[in-house]
Amino acid sequence: MSWIVLHVLGIMAYAATGAMVAMEAEYSIIGVFVLGFTTSFGGAIIRNVIIEAPVSGLWDSFTIAIVLATLTLIVLLPSGWMHHWRRWGLFFDSIGLASFALQGALAAKQVHDHASVLLLSAMFTGLGGGMIRDLLAGRKPLALKEEIHAVLALLCGGCVWLGWTSSIQLTFIVLGAAGIRMLAIRYRWSLHLPGRLNRTFRPLKTIK
């Protein structure tokens, strides 16, 4: 039950982040729903392509109802609620990242038992929707700027590959990943490029 609750919170959080990005970009109500659904289902679509599973299997009525209810609530809420979302949104988004990554790895495990497939499925399920969302909003994908996203998604995939798939284990993995990401944001942990590559690139001079 705890894993189901956390996964539902993750679905709601991802739908909400899509809506928030659309609102910040001053999109219409249609844009809010498009980006909300894109964030919620984009990663799973990429995952199913990777594991060669039918995409039609994603459209279960339970998940669609959760996303629709979340987006409708966001549209109807007054603008002042956005202040509270900025305070708690990153935490719930971290839960979504971990739960989606675990879901991707669990789905891949039913089809393939190869480590690389599990890791790729976890990473793209956790990050894919957000990356598509950011591209549609005309901004740089957050997952490519904040390295902890990919690291946590891969760690979640590794846990599934090791066989940590009971409800209690999945719950602790989600909470642990959310805690690590919040610490990374608080203390600005980052994986820096080597000094030579981390400098500002300049165009090469034309050779005459």
C-alpha atoms as a PDB file:
ATOM      1  CA  MET A   1       0.000   0.000   0.000  1.00  0.00           C
ATOM      2  CA  SER A   2       2.835   2.405   0.836  1.00  0.00           C
ATOM      3  CA  TRP A   3       4.413   1.848  -2.586  1.00  0.00           C
ATOM      4  CA  ILE A   4       1.081   2.460  -4.333  1.00  0.00           C
ATOM      5  CA  VAL A   5       0.546   5.687  -2.383  1.00  0.00           C
ATOM      6  CA  LEU A   6       4.040   6.934  -3.231  1.00  0.00           C
ATOM      7  CA  HIS A   7       3.595   6.065  -6.891  1.00  0.00           C
ATOM      8  CA  VAL A   8       0.278   7.926  -7.021  1.00  0.00           C
ATOM      9  CA  LEU A   9       1.997  10.922  -5.407  1.00  0.00           C
ATOM     10  CA  GLY A  10       4.691  10.646  -8.064  1.00  0.00           C
ATOM     11  CA  ILE A  11       2.136  10.660 -10.878  1.00  0.00           C
ATOM     12  CA  MET A  12       0.442  13.712  -9.362  1.00  0.00           C
ATOM     13  CA  ALA A  13       3.775  15.464  -8.882  1.00  0.00           C
ATOM     14  CA  TYR A  14       4.883  14.890 -12.477  1.00  0.00           C
ATOM     15  CA  ALA A  15       1.527  16.094 -13.792  1.00  0.00           C
ATOM     16  CA  ALA A  16       1.812  19.164 -11.561  1.00  0.00           C
ATOM     17  CA  THR A  17       5.347  19.975 -12.736  1.00  0.00           C
ATOM     18  CA  GLY A  18       4.168  19.859 -16.338  1.00  0.00           C
ATOM     19  CA  ALA A  19       1.316  22.223 -15.490  1.00  0.00           C
ATOM     20  CA  MET A  20       3.652  24.566 -13.612  1.00  0.00           C
ATOM     21  CA  VAL A  21       6.049  24.803 -16.547  1.00  0.00           C
ATOM     22  CA  ALA A  22       3.146  25.512 -18.888  1.00  0.00           C
ATOM     23  CA  MET A  23       1.842  28.247 -16.585  1.00  0.00           C
ATOM     24  CA  GLU A  24       5.281  29.830 -16.262  1.00  0.00           C
ATOM     25  CA  ALA A  25       5.524  29.818 -20.070  1.00  0.00           C
ATOM     26  CA  GLU A  26       2.095  31.511 -20.165  1.00  0.00           C
ATOM     27  CA  TYR A  27       0.522  28.684 -22.147  1.00  0.00           C
ATOM     28  CA  SER A  28      -3.235  28.267 -22.467  1.00  0.00           C
ATOM     29  CA  ILE A  29      -5.320  25.713 -20.575  1.00  0.00           C
ATOM     30  CA  ILE A  30      -4.731  23.300 -23.454  1.00  0.00           C
ATOM     31  CA  GLY A  31      -0.995  23.810 -22.999  1.00  0.00           C
ATOM     32  CA  VAL A  32      -1.314  23.018 -19.285  1.00  0.00           C
ATOM     33  CA  PHE A  33      -3.012  19.694 -20.039  1.00  0.00           C
ATOM     34  CA  VAL A  34      -0.638  18.833 -22.896  1.00  0.00           C
ATOM     35  CA  LEU A  35       2.494  19.410 -20.808  1.00  0.00           C
ATOM     36  CA  GLY A  36       0.927  17.658 -17.819  1.00  0.00           C
ATOM     37  CA  PHE A  37       0.176  14.517 -19.823  1.00  0.00           C
ATOM     38  CA  THR A  38       3.532  14.725 -21.596  1.00  0.00           C
ATOM     39  CA  THR A  39       5.414  14.763 -18.302  1.00  0.00           C
ATOM     40  CA  SER A  40       3.338  11.903 -16.915  1.00  0.00           C
ATOM     41  CA  PHE A  41       3.487   9.570 -19.933  1.00  0.00           C
ATOM     42  CA  GLY A  42       6.466  10.688 -22.032  1.00  0.00           C
ATOM     43  CA  GLY A  43       9.035   8.631 -20.151  1.00  0.00           C
ATOM     44  CA  ALA A  44       6.863   5.505 -20.188  1.00  0.00           C
ATOM     45  CA  ILE A  45       6.401   5.792 -23.956  1.00  0.00           C
ATOM     46  CA  ILE A  46      10.183   5.926 -24.453  1.00  0.00           C
ATOM     47  CA  ARG A  47      10.574   2.969 -22.082  1.00  0.00           C
ATOM     48  CA  ASN A  48       8.091   0.828 -23.993  1.00  0.00           C
ATOM     49  CA  VAL A  49       9.904   1.585 -27.222  1.00  0.00           C
ATOM     50  CA  ILE A  50      13.155   0.426 -25.607  1.00  0.00           C
ATOM     51  CA  ILE A  51      11.731  -2.845 -24.274  1.00  0.00           C
ATOM     52  CA  GLU A  52       9.593  -3.356 -27.409  1.00  0.00           C
ATOM     53  CA  ALA A  53       6.321  -3.322 -25.491  1.00  0.00           C
ATOM     54  CA  PRO A  54       3.046  -1.941 -26.918  1.00  0.00           C
ATOM     55  CA  VAL A  55       2.494   1.724 -26.098  1.00  0.00           C
ATOM     56  CA  SER A  56      -1.262   1.128 -25.975  1.00  0.00           C
ATOM     57  CA  GLY A  57      -0.801  -0.654 -22.666  1.00  0.00           C
ATOM     58  CA  LEU A  58       0.033   2.648 -20.944  1.00  0.00           C
ATOM     59  CA  TRP A  59      -3.425   4.135 -21.116  1.00  0.00           C
ATOM     60  CA  ASP A  60      -5.017   2.627 -18.031  1.00  0.00           C
ATOM     61  CA  SER A  61      -8.032   4.511 -16.726  1.00  0.00           C
ATOM     62  CA  PHE A  62      -6.641   4.799 -13.183  1.00  0.00           C
ATOM     63  CA  THR A  63      -3.531   6.749 -14.179  1.00  0.00           C
ATOM     64  CA  ILE A  64      -5.400   8.915 -16.680  1.00  0.00           C
ATOM     65  CA  ALA A  65      -7.983   9.790 -14.005  1.00  0.00           C
ATOM     66  CA  ILE A  66      -5.242  10.808 -11.564  1.00  0.00           C
ATOM     67  CA  VAL A  67      -3.540  13.038 -14.128  1.00  0.00           C
ATOM     68  CA  LEU A  68      -6.831  14.614 -15.231  1.00  0.00           C
ATOM     69  CA  ALA A  69      -7.917  15.285 -11.654  1.00  0.00           C
ATOM     70  CA  THR A  70      -4.532  16.802 -10.768  1.00  0.00           C
ATOM     71  CA  LEU A  71      -4.441  19.102 -13.788  1.00  0.00           C
ATOM     72  CA  THR A  72      -8.075  20.176 -13.327  1.00  0.00           C
ATOM     73  CA  LEU A  73      -7.394  21.023  -9.693  1.00  0.00           C
ATOM     74  CA  ILE A  74      -4.328  23.067 -10.639  1.00  0.00           C
ATOM     75  CA  VAL A  75      -6.267  25.042 -13.238  1.00  0.00           C
ATOM     76  CA  LEU A  76      -9.018  25.840 -10.720  1.00  0.00           C
ATOM     77  CA  LEU A  77      -6.763  26.800  -7.816  1.00  0.00           C
ATOM     78  CA  PRO A  78      -5.953  30.495  -7.209  1.00  0.00           C
ATOM     79  CA  SER A  79      -2.544  31.745  -8.269  1.00  0.00           C
ATOM     80  CA  GLY A  80      -1.370  32.105  -4.665  1.00  0.00           C
ATOM     81  CA  TRP A  81      -0.968  28.346  -4.286  1.00  0.00           C
ATOM     82  CA  MET A  82       2.108  28.433  -6.523  1.00  0.00           C
ATOM     83  CA  HIS A  83       4.126  29.807  -3.598  1.00  0.00           C
ATOM     84  CA  HIS A  84       3.401  26.670  -1.573  1.00  0.00           C
ATOM     85  CA  TRP A  85       4.186  24.431  -4.556  1.00  0.00           C
ATOM     86  CA  ARG A  86       7.636  25.992  -4.909  1.00  0.00           C
ATOM     87  CA  ARG A  87       8.305  25.080  -1.297  1.00  0.00           C
ATOM     88  CA  TRP A  88       7.168  21.448  -1.488  1.00  0.00           C
ATOM     89  CA  GLY A  89       7.210  20.784  -5.229  1.00  0.00           C
ATOM     90  CA  LEU A  90      10.830  19.631  -5.408  1.00  0.00           C
ATOM     91  CA  PHE A  91      10.216  17.016  -2.726  1.00  0.00           C
ATOM     92  CA  PHE A  92       7.169  15.549  -4.457  1.00  0.00           C
ATOM     93  CA  ASP A  93       8.948  15.784  -7.810  1.00  0.00           C
ATOM     94  CA  SER A  94      11.783  13.737  -6.287  1.00  0.00           C
ATOM     95  CA  ILE A  95       9.255  11.101  -5.244  1.00  0.00           C
ATOM     96  CA  GLY A  96       7.980  11.089  -8.827  1.00  0.00           C
ATOM     97  CA  LEU A  97      11.487  10.682 -10.212  1.00  0.00           C
ATOM     98  CA  ALA A  98      12.207   7.661  -8.031  1.00  0.00           C
ATOM     99  CA  SER A  99       8.804   6.001  -8.419  1.00  0.00           C
ATOM    100  CA  PHE A 100       8.816   6.414 -12.207  1.00  0.00           C
ATOM    101  CA  ALA A 101      12.374   5.072 -12.452  1.00  0.00           C
ATOM    102  CA  LEU A 102      11.412   2.051 -10.361  1.00  0.00           C
ATOM    103  CA  GLN A 103       8.295   1.515 -12.451  1.00  0.00           C
ATOM    104  CA  GLY A 104      10.417   1.599 -15.603  1.00  0.00           C
ATOM    105  CA  ALA A 105      12.865  -0.945 -14.231  1.00  0.00           C
ATOM    106  CA  LEU A 106      10.065  -3.222 -12.992  1.00  0.00           C
ATOM    107  CA  ALA A 107       8.369  -3.107 -16.402  1.00  0.00           C
ATOM    108  CA  ALA A 108      11.646  -3.923 -18.131  1.00  0.00           C
ATOM    109  CA  LYS A 109      12.340  -6.787 -15.720  1.00  0.00           C
ATOM    110  CA  GLN A 110       9.169  -8.531 -16.876  1.00  0.00           C
ATOM    111  CA  VAL A 111      10.481  -8.587 -20.442  1.00  0.00           C
ATOM    112  CA  HIS A 112      14.282  -8.587 -20.126  1.00  0.00           C
ATOM    113  CA  ASP A 113      16.593  -9.480 -17.264  1.00  0.00           C
ATOM    114  CA  HIS A 114      19.607  -7.701 -18.721  1.00  0.00           C
ATOM    115  CA  ALA A 115      21.175  -5.033 -16.507  1.00  0.00           C
ATOM    116  CA  SER A 116      21.668  -2.490 -19.291  1.00  0.00           C
ATOM    117  CA  VAL A 117      18.010  -2.732 -20.360  1.00  0.00           C
ATOM    118  CA  LEU A 118      16.840  -2.241 -16.764  1.00  0.00           C
ATOM    119  CA  LEU A 119      19.096   0.777 -16.258  1.00  0.00           C
ATOM    120  CA  LEU A 120      18.099   2.427 -19.536  1.00  0.00           C
ATOM    121  CA  SER A 121      14.422   1.815 -18.851  1.00  0.00           C
ATOM    122  CA  ALA A 122      14.726   3.288 -15.360  1.00  0.00           C
ATOM    123  CA  MET A 123      16.588   6.343 -16.598  1.00  0.00           C
ATOM    124  CA  PHE A 124      14.312   7.156 -19.524  1.00  0.00           C
ATOM    125  CA  THR A 125      11.117   6.479 -17.573  1.00  0.00           C
ATOM    126  CA  GLY A 126      12.272   8.790 -14.810  1.00  0.00           C
ATOM    127  CA  LEU A 127      13.708  11.534 -17.016  1.00  0.00           C
ATOM    128  CA  GLY A 128      12.029  11.239 -20.415  1.00  0.00           C
ATOM    129  CA  GLY A 129       8.765  12.990 -19.639  1.00  0.00           C
ATOM    130  CA  GLY A 130      10.478  15.959 -18.028  1.00  0.00           C
ATOM    131  CA  MET A 131      12.911  16.327 -20.909  1.00  0.00           C
ATOM    132  CA  ILE A 132      10.108  16.355 -23.494  1.00  0.00           C
ATOM    133  CA  ARG A 133       8.196  18.831 -21.300  1.00  0.00           C
ATOM    134  CA  ASP A 134      11.138  21.231 -21.139  1.00  0.00           C
ATOM    135  CA  LEU A 135      11.727  21.026 -24.882  1.00  0.00           C
ATOM    136  CA  LEU A 136       8.069  21.816 -25.558  1.00  0.00           C
ATOM    137  CA  ALA A 137       8.374  24.784 -23.200  1.00  0.00           C
ATOM    138  CA  GLY A 138      11.449  26.053 -25.050  1.00  0.00           C
ATOM    139  CA  ARG A 139      13.950  25.659 -22.227  1.00  0.00           C
ATOM    140  CA  LYS A 140      16.989  23.520 -21.496  1.00  0.00           C
ATOM    141  CA  PRO A 141      16.011  20.134 -20.003  1.00  0.00           C
ATOM    142  CA  LEU A 142      16.513  20.224 -16.256  1.00  0.00           C
ATOM    143  CA  ALA A 143      17.577  16.574 -16.241  1.00  0.00           C
ATOM    144  CA  LEU A 144      20.615  17.434 -18.387  1.00  0.00           C
ATOM    145  CA  LYS A 145      21.660  20.271 -16.086  1.00  0.00           C
ATOM    146  CA  GLU A 146      21.074  18.612 -12.713  1.00  0.00           C
ATOM    147  CA  GLU A 147      23.182  15.446 -12.780  1.00  0.00           C
ATOM    148  CA  ILE A 148      21.587  13.932  -9.678  1.00  0.00           C
ATOM    149  CA  HIS A 149      18.465  13.163 -11.750  1.00  0.00           C
ATOM    150  CA  ALA A 150      20.222  10.583 -13.903  1.00  0.00           C
ATOM    151  CA  VAL A 151      22.296   9.184 -11.036  1.00  0.00           C
ATOM    152  CA  LEU A 152      19.230   8.529  -8.884  1.00  0.00           C
ATOM    153  CA  ALA A 153      17.299   6.999 -11.784  1.00  0.00           C
ATOM    154  CA  LEU A 154      20.183   4.620 -12.488  1.00  0.00           C
ATOM    155  CA  LEU A 155      20.482   3.724  -8.796  1.00  0.00           C
ATOM    156  CA  CYS A 156      16.763   2.887  -8.725  1.00  0.00           C
ATOM    157  CA  GLY A 157      17.236   0.654 -11.764  1.00  0.00           C
ATOM    158  CA  GLY A 158      20.206  -1.032 -10.095  1.00  0.00           C
ATOM    159  CA  CYS A 159      18.139  -1.784  -6.985  1.00  0.00           C
ATOM    160  CA  VAL A 160      15.506  -3.534  -9.099  1.00  0.00           C
ATOM    161  CA  TRP A 161      18.200  -5.519 -10.917  1.00  0.00           C
ATOM    162  CA  LEU A 162      19.519  -6.661  -7.509  1.00  0.00           C
ATOM    163  CA  GLY A 163      16.054  -7.991  -6.697  1.00  0.00           C
ATOM    164  CA  TRP A 164      14.891  -5.347  -4.220  1.00  0.00           C
ATOM    165  CA  THR A 165      11.293  -5.434  -5.413  1.00  0.00           C
ATOM    166  CA  SER A 166       9.141  -5.972  -2.314  1.00  0.00           C
ATOM    167  CA  SER A 167       6.738  -3.177  -1.385  1.00  0.00           C
ATOM    168  CA  ILE A 168       8.751  -2.256   1.712  1.00  0.00           C
ATOM    169  CA  GLN A 169      12.009  -2.161  -0.243  1.00  0.00           C
ATOM    170  CA  LEU A 170      10.469  -0.046  -3.022  1.00  0.00           C
ATOM    171  CA  THR A 171       9.109   2.361  -0.405  1.00  0.00           C
ATOM    172  CA  PHE A 172      12.517   2.815   1.215  1.00  0.00           C
ATOM    173  CA  ILE A 173      14.168   3.257  -2.191  1.00  0.00           C
ATOM    174  CA  VAL A 174      11.742   6.061  -3.104  1.00  0.00           C
ATOM    175  CA  LEU A 175      12.152   7.832   0.226  1.00  0.00           C
ATOM    176  CA  GLY A 176      15.929   7.410   0.125  1.00  0.00           C
ATOM    177  CA  ALA A 177      16.194   8.768  -3.415  1.00  0.00           C
ATOM    178  CA  ALA A 178      13.974  11.734  -2.527  1.00  0.00           C
ATOM    179  CA  GLY A 179      16.115  12.449   0.530  1.00  0.00           C
ATOM    180  CA  ILE A 180      19.355  12.286  -1.457  1.00  0.00           C
ATOM    181  CA  ARG A 181      18.025  14.665  -4.095  1.00  0.00           C
ATOM    182  CA  MET A 182      16.863  17.174  -1.486  1.00  0.00           C
ATOM    183  CA  LEU A 183      20.305  17.049   0.127  1.00  0.00           C
ATOM    184  CA  ALA A 184      21.903  17.528  -3.294  1.00  0.00           C
ATOM    185  CA  ILE A 185      19.769  20.619  -3.881  1.00  0.00           C
ATOM    186  CA  ARG A 186      20.419  21.939  -0.363  1.00  0.00           C
ATOM    187  CA  TYR A 187      24.206  21.529  -0.539  1.00  0.00           C
ATOM    188  CA  ARG A 188      24.516  22.032  -4.323  1.00  0.00           C
ATOM    189  CA  TRP A 189      26.159  18.703  -5.053  1.00  0.00           C
ATOM    190  CA  SER A 190      27.225  18.479  -8.656  1.00  0.00           C
ATOM    191  CA  LEU A 191      29.340  16.347 -10.997  1.00  0.00           C
ATOM    192  CA  HIS A 192      31.650  18.889 -12.587  1.00  0.00           C
ATOM    193  CA  LEU A 193      33.328  18.401 -15.918  1.00  0.00           C
ATOM    194  CA  PRO A 194      37.136  18.283 -15.950  1.00  0.00           C
ATOM    195  CA  GLY A 195      38.676  21.742 -15.737  1.00  0.00           C
ATOM    196  CA  ARG A 196      39.720  21.783 -19.372  1.00  0.00           C
ATOM    197  CA  LEU A 197      36.192  20.968 -20.591  1.00  0.00           C
ATOM    198  CA  ASN A 198      34.399  23.109 -18.029  1.00  0.00           C
ATOM    199  CA  ARG A 199      35.638  26.393 -19.498  1.00  0.00           C
ATOM    200  CA  THR A 200      33.589  28.523 -21.799  1.00  0.00           C
ATOM    201  CA  PHE A 201      33.984  27.313 -25.361  1.00  0.00           C
ATOM    202  CA  ARG A 202      35.014  29.880 -27.935  1.00  0.00           C
ATOM    203  CA  PRO A 203      34.643  29.561 -31.699  1.00  0.00           C
ATOM    204  CA  LEU A 204      37.760  28.518 -33.524  1.00  0.00           C
ATOM    205  CA  LYS A 205      39.506  31.200 -35.521  1.00  0.00           C
ATOM    206  CA  THR A 206      39.279  30.837 -39.249  1.00  0.00           C
ATOM    207  CA  ILE A 207      42.466  29.330 -40.658  1.00  0.00           C
ATOM    208  CA  LYS A 208      43.727  31.269 -43.652  1.00  0.00           C
END
